[in-house]
Amino acid sequence: MKKRVKIGFIGSGWAQVAQAPAFSLMDNVELAAVSSPTEHHRKKFMERFGINQGFADWREMLHCDLDLVCVTTPPSMHESMVSGVLESGKSVLCEKPFALTVDEAERMTALASRSPGMSLIDHQLRFHPSVRSMKLMIDGGDIGKIYEVRAVVNLATRNRIDQPWSWWSDTARGGGALRAIGSHLIDLNRFLVGEISEVCCNLATAIPQRPDPSNPGKYLPVTSDDSFAMFMKFGPSSVALGASSLMHVTTVGAYTWFSLEVVGSMKTIRLDGAGRLWEITTGAAKGGRSLIDAPRWKQVEPIIAWDELVLQEKIKLSSIAVHGIFAVGFAFLAHRIVRALKSGERQPHDAAGFSDGLMIQRILQAGLDSDKQRSWVRI
């Protein structure tokens, strides 16, 4: 049994919001190193988390004694960095979206199959207590036959027209709502219900240009989507063959809203943006077409494993709690990763591996192809 786990970080953005704070909550874990090309960001990260080793070049960091490296850079950098980590014999946690192309995803997956370490994708919502309770309810037949899945995500993160252009605005670097948010929703559909067989997708760009951060007064074209709608059908490797799933996401809304519903013959269950789980029994509403009668949702208390009860209390007292379901979900994923590293497990149970990342990449590519072809695309 390994007594102390050492974590390194490539990238200082999302890692500073969720990953480093989450691993800081774990016993016998050392935040050992960080790599960021921007000196100011790197030093700030080191000071905040008490890290002694900082590097401008991520390759130099791989010479450190590390058990796990978190890659939290833009997707265009993932293949080279993930490959470098795996070739060094260390375990890796890669941020989503996994890759730019299916070919990249296939190469990384093949390399991971020959690597001694863990190869994980940061689909942390799988480990949020409410999502795990949804999984138990679906697998246990509590909601009956699954009719459909509906996800609506309304974000105000990119609604300002003066927001500077960044890699997020560039489809060639992996930017866009489909890849960033859609990848999470696709993973939730696969985790809760099963494999997707075909998709139909429409991408949209509401703000076609953004200010060039390096040239005041100049603008750069936005080539990525800031909203999308994608219709999916579940295939044979699911518990809802032929059922549909609808995702509608915008990042240029006036407010923030998150809702994921699984509609069953006996119940509908819903995950909201605060991480709460709700249920409503079929037949609980009045009949007819009246919209006056409000839905009688009942909140469900998630089931939490005994070894995560202390973690839940730590999360409530940390900065993670204010950053929503993705940060909270990551803390629960981090707990499982650390436990697996200490015990020498090949991979935490139910964690998204590179084979999951590859499958999601194929679905994302099918969505991009569907938008261009204006037709359904099979996976």
Protein backbone atom coordinates (compact mmCIF):
# COMPACT_ATOMS: atom_id res chain seq x y z
CA MET A 1 0.00 0.00 0.00
CA LYS A 2 1.50 3.32 -1.11
CA LYS A 3 1.50 5.81 1.77
CA ARG A 4 1.87 9.13 -0.06
CA VAL A 5 0.62 10.15 -3.50
CA LYS A 6 2.38 12.89 -5.48
CA ILE A 7 0.40 14.93 -8.03
CA GLY A 8 1.69 17.15 -10.85
CA PHE A 9 -0.26 19.59 -13.01
CA ILE A 10 0.28 20.67 -16.61
CA GLY A 11 -1.76 23.86 -16.95
CA SER A 12 -2.85 26.32 -14.28
CA GLY A 13 -6.41 27.29 -15.26
CA TRP A 14 -9.09 24.72 -14.42
CA ALA A 15 -6.53 22.94 -12.26
CA GLN A 16 -6.46 25.96 -9.94
CA VAL A 17 -10.26 26.07 -9.70
CA ALA A 18 -11.06 22.41 -9.09
CA GLN A 19 -8.27 19.87 -9.39
CA ALA A 20 -5.63 21.24 -7.01
CA PRO A 21 -8.21 22.29 -4.36
CA ALA A 22 -9.80 18.82 -4.58
CA PHE A 23 -6.56 16.89 -4.19
CA SER A 24 -5.67 19.24 -1.31
CA LEU A 25 -8.58 17.78 0.64
CA MET A 26 -7.12 14.26 0.53
CA ASP A 27 -4.98 12.74 3.27
CA ASN A 28 -1.40 11.80 2.41
CA VAL A 29 -1.44 13.62 -0.92
CA GLU A 30 1.30 16.03 -1.98
CA LEU A 31 0.79 18.65 -4.70
CA ALA A 32 4.35 18.26 -5.93
CA ALA A 33 4.83 20.14 -9.22
CA VAL A 34 3.20 22.41 -11.79
CA SER A 35 4.06 23.37 -15.35
CA SER A 36 2.82 26.56 -17.00
CA PRO A 37 4.60 28.65 -19.65
CA THR A 38 3.36 31.89 -18.06
CA GLU A 39 5.63 32.72 -15.11
CA HIS A 40 3.02 34.82 -13.28
CA HIS A 41 0.42 32.05 -13.42
CA ARG A 42 2.96 29.42 -12.45
CA LYS A 43 4.21 31.30 -9.39
CA LYS A 44 0.69 32.15 -8.27
CA PHE A 45 -0.27 28.46 -8.49
CA MET A 46 2.82 27.41 -6.53
CA GLU A 47 2.23 29.97 -3.77
CA ARG A 48 -1.43 29.13 -3.37
CA PHE A 49 -0.91 25.38 -3.04
CA GLY A 50 2.53 25.25 -1.44
CA ILE A 51 4.23 23.67 -4.44
CA ASN A 52 8.05 23.81 -4.54
CA GLN A 53 8.68 22.67 -8.11
CA GLY A 54 7.56 24.79 -11.07
CA PHE A 55 8.46 24.47 -14.74
CA ALA A 56 7.92 26.49 -17.90
CA ASP A 57 8.41 23.35 -20.02
CA TRP A 58 6.13 20.44 -19.12
CA ARG A 59 8.72 17.94 -20.36
CA GLU A 60 11.09 18.92 -17.57
CA MET A 61 8.38 18.27 -14.99
CA LEU A 62 8.19 14.63 -16.05
CA HIS A 63 11.61 14.04 -14.49
CA CYS A 64 10.02 14.61 -11.06
CA ASP A 65 8.86 11.80 -8.81
CA LEU A 66 5.12 11.90 -9.56
CA ASP A 67 2.35 9.32 -9.34
CA LEU A 68 -0.25 11.20 -11.38
CA VAL A 69 -0.10 14.08 -13.86
CA CYS A 70 -3.22 16.16 -14.59
CA VAL A 71 -3.27 17.57 -18.13
CA THR A 72 -5.56 20.62 -18.13
CA THR A 73 -4.49 22.41 -21.32
CA PRO A 74 -6.44 23.16 -24.54
CA PRO A 75 -7.33 20.02 -26.56
CA SER A 76 -4.80 20.80 -29.31
CA MET A 77 -2.00 20.09 -26.81
CA HIS A 78 -3.39 16.89 -25.34
CA GLU A 79 -1.84 14.27 -27.58
CA SER A 80 1.79 15.34 -27.17
CA MET A 81 1.46 15.93 -23.42
CA VAL A 82 -0.54 12.80 -22.63
CA SER A 83 1.84 10.71 -24.74
CA GLY A 84 4.80 12.18 -22.90
CA VAL A 85 3.29 11.37 -19.52
CA LEU A 86 2.43 7.81 -20.51
CA GLU A 87 5.86 7.18 -22.00
CA SER A 88 7.41 8.33 -18.71
CA GLY A 89 5.48 5.54 -16.95
CA LYS A 90 3.27 7.86 -14.91
CA SER A 91 -0.51 7.81 -14.57
CA VAL A 92 -2.41 10.57 -16.36
CA LEU A 93 -5.73 12.36 -15.98
CA CYS A 94 -6.60 14.19 -19.21
CA GLU A 95 -9.08 17.05 -19.36
CA LYS A 96 -11.90 16.79 -21.85
CA PRO A 97 -12.49 17.03 -24.73
CA PHE A 98 -10.04 14.17 -25.08
CA ALA A 99 -8.58 15.06 -28.48
CA LEU A 100 -8.99 17.09 -31.66
CA THR A 101 -9.70 14.11 -33.90
CA VAL A 102 -10.63 10.45 -33.75
CA ASP A 103 -7.16 9.57 -35.06
CA GLU A 104 -5.52 11.36 -32.12
CA ALA A 105 -7.85 9.61 -29.70
CA GLU A 106 -7.04 6.22 -31.23
CA ARG A 107 -3.29 6.81 -30.94
CA MET A 108 -3.52 7.85 -27.29
CA THR A 109 -5.78 4.91 -26.48
CA ALA A 110 -3.37 2.47 -28.11
CA LEU A 111 -0.45 3.95 -26.17
CA ALA A 112 -2.42 3.79 -22.92
CA SER A 113 -3.08 0.07 -23.42
CA ARG A 114 0.70 -0.50 -23.27
CA SER A 115 1.35 1.85 -20.36
CA PRO A 116 1.69 0.65 -16.75
CA GLY A 117 -0.12 3.66 -15.29
CA MET A 118 -3.75 4.80 -15.12
CA SER A 119 -5.19 6.56 -18.16
CA LEU A 120 -8.26 8.59 -17.16
CA ILE A 121 -10.51 11.25 -18.68
CA ASP A 122 -11.90 14.02 -16.49
CA HIS A 123 -15.60 13.14 -16.74
CA GLN A 124 -16.09 13.87 -13.08
CA LEU A 125 -19.90 14.14 -13.05
CA ARG A 126 -20.00 10.33 -12.96
CA PHE A 127 -18.88 10.60 -9.34
CA HIS A 128 -21.21 13.33 -8.15
CA PRO A 129 -23.44 11.73 -5.47
CA SER A 130 -26.63 12.78 -7.27
CA VAL A 131 -25.48 11.22 -10.54
CA ARG A 132 -24.48 8.00 -8.79
CA SER A 133 -27.94 7.89 -7.21
CA MET A 134 -29.51 8.41 -10.64
CA LYS A 135 -27.48 5.46 -11.89
CA LEU A 136 -28.75 3.27 -9.03
CA MET A 137 -32.36 4.29 -9.71
CA ILE A 138 -32.04 3.54 -13.44
CA ASP A 139 -30.22 0.22 -13.01
CA GLY A 140 -32.60 -0.85 -10.23
CA GLY A 141 -35.68 -0.22 -12.38
CA ASP A 142 -37.05 2.46 -10.03
CA ILE A 143 -38.03 4.79 -12.88
CA GLY A 144 -39.38 2.04 -15.14
CA LYS A 145 -38.81 1.87 -18.88
CA ILE A 146 -36.71 4.78 -20.14
CA TYR A 147 -38.54 6.91 -22.66
CA GLU A 148 -35.98 9.66 -23.27
CA VAL A 149 -33.21 11.85 -21.84
CA ARG A 150 -33.31 15.65 -21.99
CA ALA A 151 -30.46 18.03 -21.17
CA VAL A 152 -30.73 21.82 -21.25
CA VAL A 153 -27.65 23.87 -20.36
CA ASN A 154 -27.88 27.65 -20.52
CA LEU A 155 -24.61 29.44 -19.69
CA ALA A 156 -23.78 33.14 -19.60
CA THR A 157 -20.03 32.52 -19.85
CA ARG A 158 -19.54 33.95 -23.35
CA ASN A 159 -22.44 36.37 -23.86
CA ARG A 160 -20.33 39.56 -23.82
CA ILE A 161 -19.38 40.71 -27.30
CA ASP A 162 -16.25 42.37 -25.91
CA GLN A 163 -14.93 39.09 -24.51
CA PRO A 164 -11.47 38.52 -26.06
CA TRP A 165 -10.79 35.86 -28.66
CA SER A 166 -9.10 32.74 -27.26
CA TRP A 167 -8.53 29.11 -28.18
CA TRP A 168 -12.14 28.54 -27.17
CA SER A 169 -13.11 30.59 -30.27
CA ASP A 170 -11.05 28.39 -32.59
CA THR A 171 -12.44 25.07 -33.77
CA ALA A 172 -8.96 24.06 -35.02
CA ARG A 173 -7.73 24.14 -31.40
CA GLY A 174 -10.73 22.23 -30.02
CA GLY A 175 -12.90 25.17 -28.97
CA GLY A 176 -16.68 25.32 -28.92
CA ALA A 177 -19.71 24.36 -26.89
CA LEU A 178 -20.16 20.91 -28.44
CA ARG A 179 -16.69 19.78 -27.45
CA ALA A 180 -16.54 21.54 -24.06
CA ILE A 181 -20.06 20.94 -22.73
CA GLY A 182 -21.37 18.33 -25.14
CA SER A 183 -18.57 15.92 -24.23
CA HIS A 184 -19.76 15.94 -20.60
CA LEU A 185 -23.40 15.41 -21.55
CA ILE A 186 -22.54 12.62 -23.98
CA ASP A 187 -20.58 10.89 -21.22
CA LEU A 188 -23.52 11.21 -18.81
CA ASN A 189 -25.85 9.66 -21.41
CA ARG A 190 -23.44 6.77 -21.94
CA PHE A 191 -22.82 6.28 -18.21
CA LEU A 192 -26.48 6.38 -17.18
CA VAL A 193 -28.20 4.73 -20.15
CA GLY A 194 -25.73 3.25 -22.63
CA GLU A 195 -24.17 3.59 -26.06
CA ILE A 196 -25.32 6.00 -28.75
CA SER A 197 -26.02 4.66 -32.25
CA GLU A 198 -26.63 7.81 -34.32
CA VAL A 199 -26.84 11.58 -34.02
CA CYS A 200 -28.26 14.65 -35.70
CA CYS A 201 -26.63 17.96 -34.81
CA ASN A 202 -26.94 21.68 -35.48
CA LEU A 203 -24.14 24.09 -34.50
CA ALA A 204 -24.55 27.85 -34.23
CA THR A 205 -22.30 30.86 -33.72
CA ALA A 206 -24.14 33.90 -32.39
CA ILE A 207 -21.07 36.14 -31.99
CA PRO A 208 -19.03 35.76 -35.21
CA GLN A 209 -15.98 37.79 -34.15
CA ARG A 210 -14.20 38.76 -30.96
CA PRO A 211 -11.53 41.32 -30.01
CA ASP A 212 -7.94 40.32 -30.76
CA PRO A 213 -6.21 40.41 -27.33
CA SER A 214 -2.83 41.23 -28.92
CA ASN A 215 -4.07 43.96 -31.30
CA PRO A 216 -6.42 46.54 -29.71
CA GLY A 217 -9.17 47.61 -32.06
CA LYS A 218 -8.80 44.50 -34.23
CA TYR A 219 -11.12 41.49 -34.35
CA LEU A 220 -10.62 37.81 -35.10
CA PRO A 221 -13.22 35.47 -36.60
CA VAL A 222 -14.90 32.92 -34.32
CA THR A 223 -14.83 29.52 -36.02
CA SER A 224 -16.27 27.46 -33.16
CA ASP A 225 -19.87 27.04 -32.03
CA ASP A 226 -21.20 28.94 -29.03
CA SER A 227 -24.43 26.92 -28.99
CA PHE A 228 -25.70 23.63 -30.35
CA ALA A 229 -28.63 21.25 -30.40
CA MET A 230 -27.99 17.54 -30.83
CA PHE A 231 -30.48 14.71 -31.08
CA MET A 232 -29.16 11.22 -30.29
CA LYS A 233 -30.59 7.70 -30.39
CA PHE A 234 -29.57 4.90 -28.04
CA GLY A 235 -28.32 1.67 -29.59
CA PRO A 236 -28.34 -2.03 -28.64
CA SER A 237 -25.68 -1.59 -25.93
CA SER A 238 -28.02 0.45 -23.77
CA VAL A 239 -30.99 -0.01 -21.47
CA ALA A 240 -33.15 2.11 -23.78
CA LEU A 241 -32.80 0.75 -27.34
CA GLY A 242 -34.32 3.22 -29.80
CA ALA A 243 -35.03 5.87 -27.17
CA SER A 244 -33.95 9.43 -27.85
CA SER A 245 -31.75 11.94 -26.07
CA LEU A 246 -31.87 15.67 -26.73
CA MET A 247 -29.12 18.10 -25.74
CA HIS A 248 -29.50 21.86 -26.08
CA VAL A 249 -26.58 24.01 -24.95
CA THR A 250 -25.78 27.69 -25.23
CA THR A 251 -22.87 29.64 -23.79
CA VAL A 252 -24.26 33.06 -24.76
CA GLY A 253 -27.41 33.06 -22.63
CA ALA A 254 -28.51 35.82 -20.27
CA TYR A 255 -28.52 33.48 -17.27
CA THR A 256 -27.19 30.11 -16.11
CA TRP A 257 -29.32 26.99 -15.93
CA PHE A 258 -28.53 23.28 -15.94
CA SER A 259 -31.03 20.45 -16.13
CA LEU A 260 -30.59 16.79 -17.03
CA GLU A 261 -33.76 14.70 -16.99
CA VAL A 262 -34.23 10.98 -17.51
CA VAL A 263 -37.86 10.28 -18.34
CA GLY A 264 -39.18 6.86 -17.34
CA SER A 265 -42.54 5.14 -17.42
CA MET A 266 -42.83 5.29 -13.62
CA LYS A 267 -40.79 8.38 -12.71
CA THR A 268 -38.81 11.24 -14.16
CA ILE A 269 -35.59 12.14 -12.36
CA ARG A 270 -33.69 15.41 -12.73
CA LEU A 271 -30.24 16.72 -11.86
CA ASP A 272 -30.08 20.50 -11.45
CA GLY A 273 -27.21 22.98 -11.55
CA ALA A 274 -26.86 23.00 -7.77
CA GLY A 275 -26.23 19.26 -7.79
CA ARG A 276 -29.64 18.44 -6.33
CA LEU A 277 -31.57 15.37 -7.41
CA TRP A 278 -35.34 15.52 -7.95
CA GLU A 279 -38.03 13.02 -8.86
CA ILE A 280 -41.65 13.20 -9.92
CA THR A 281 -43.95 10.20 -10.17
CA THR A 282 -45.82 9.59 -13.38
CA GLY A 283 -49.44 10.63 -12.88
CA ALA A 284 -48.65 13.11 -10.09
CA ALA A 285 -49.73 16.09 -12.23
CA LYS A 286 -53.29 16.95 -13.18
CA GLY A 287 -54.55 15.74 -16.53
CA GLY A 288 -55.35 17.88 -19.52
CA ARG A 289 -53.31 20.62 -21.14
CA SER A 290 -53.31 23.17 -18.33
CA LEU A 291 -49.91 24.69 -17.52
CA ILE A 292 -51.18 26.23 -14.29
CA ASP A 293 -50.55 23.14 -12.17
CA ALA A 294 -46.87 23.28 -11.17
CA PRO A 295 -44.91 20.00 -11.27
CA ARG A 296 -44.73 18.39 -7.84
CA TRP A 297 -41.03 17.60 -7.76
CA LYS A 298 -39.71 15.85 -4.67
CA GLN A 299 -36.07 16.23 -3.70
CA VAL A 300 -34.13 12.99 -3.31
CA GLU A 301 -31.26 12.71 -0.85
CA PRO A 302 -28.32 11.06 -2.64
CA ILE A 303 -26.84 7.86 -1.29
CA ILE A 304 -23.22 8.43 -0.27
CA ALA A 305 -20.68 5.72 0.46
CA TRP A 306 -19.47 5.64 4.07
CA ASP A 307 -15.91 6.57 3.12
CA GLU A 308 -17.13 9.70 1.30
CA LEU A 309 -19.18 11.21 4.14
CA VAL A 310 -16.13 12.96 5.64
CA LEU A 311 -15.14 14.18 2.16
CA GLN A 312 -18.60 15.67 1.66
CA GLU A 313 -18.19 17.76 4.83
CA LYS A 314 -14.73 18.91 3.72
CA ILE A 315 -16.16 20.00 0.35
CA LYS A 316 -18.83 22.12 2.05
CA LEU A 317 -16.12 24.07 3.89
CA SER A 318 -13.86 24.53 0.84
CA SER A 319 -13.75 26.80 -2.21
CA ILE A 320 -14.91 23.86 -4.31
CA ALA A 321 -18.49 24.21 -3.09
CA VAL A 322 -19.00 27.59 -4.77
CA HIS A 323 -17.83 26.36 -8.19
CA GLY A 324 -20.78 24.04 -8.82
CA ILE A 325 -21.35 20.46 -9.81
CA PHE A 326 -18.26 20.03 -11.97
CA ALA A 327 -15.86 21.05 -9.18
CA VAL A 328 -17.78 19.05 -6.57
CA GLY A 329 -17.88 16.04 -8.85
CA PHE A 330 -14.14 16.27 -9.35
CA ALA A 331 -13.51 16.11 -5.60
CA PHE A 332 -15.32 12.76 -5.47
CA LEU A 333 -13.37 11.56 -8.53
CA ALA A 334 -10.09 12.68 -6.91
CA HIS A 335 -10.97 10.65 -3.83
CA ARG A 336 -11.38 7.51 -5.95
CA ILE A 337 -8.16 8.18 -7.89
CA VAL A 338 -6.09 8.60 -4.74
CA ARG A 339 -7.55 5.46 -3.23
CA ALA A 340 -6.74 3.52 -6.40
CA LEU A 341 -3.18 4.87 -6.58
CA LYS A 342 -2.54 3.91 -2.96
CA SER A 343 -3.83 0.38 -3.42
CA GLY A 344 -2.24 -0.20 -6.82
CA GLU A 345 -5.50 -0.55 -8.77
CA ARG A 346 -5.30 -0.34 -12.58
CA GLN A 347 -8.26 2.04 -12.74
CA PRO A 348 -10.97 3.29 -10.34
CA HIS A 349 -14.28 1.52 -10.84
CA ASP A 350 -16.66 3.50 -13.11
CA ALA A 351 -14.03 6.12 -13.99
CA ALA A 352 -13.92 7.21 -17.66
CA GLY A 353 -10.89 5.70 -19.35
CA PHE A 354 -9.32 6.37 -22.73
CA SER A 355 -11.66 3.88 -24.42
CA ASP A 356 -14.53 6.07 -23.19
CA GLY A 357 -12.72 9.14 -24.47
CA LEU A 358 -12.34 7.51 -27.88
CA MET A 359 -16.02 6.64 -28.06
CA ILE A 360 -17.05 10.16 -27.08
CA GLN A 361 -14.65 11.54 -29.72
CA ARG A 362 -16.41 9.46 -32.35
CA ILE A 363 -19.78 10.82 -31.25
CA LEU A 364 -18.46 14.40 -31.28
CA GLN A 365 -17.07 13.86 -34.78
CA ALA A 366 -20.42 12.44 -35.90
CA GLY A 367 -22.06 15.61 -34.54
CA LEU A 368 -19.64 17.81 -36.51
CA ASP A 369 -20.22 15.73 -39.65
CA SER A 370 -23.99 15.87 -39.16
CA ASP A 371 -23.93 19.65 -38.96
CA LYS A 372 -22.05 19.85 -42.26
CA GLN A 373 -24.12 17.20 -44.04
CA ARG A 374 -27.46 18.33 -42.57
CA SER A 375 -28.38 14.71 -41.92
CA TRP A 376 -28.30 11.88 -39.38
CA VAL A 377 -24.91 10.21 -38.94
CA ARG A 378 -24.36 6.73 -37.57
CA ILE A 379 -21.59 6.12 -35.05
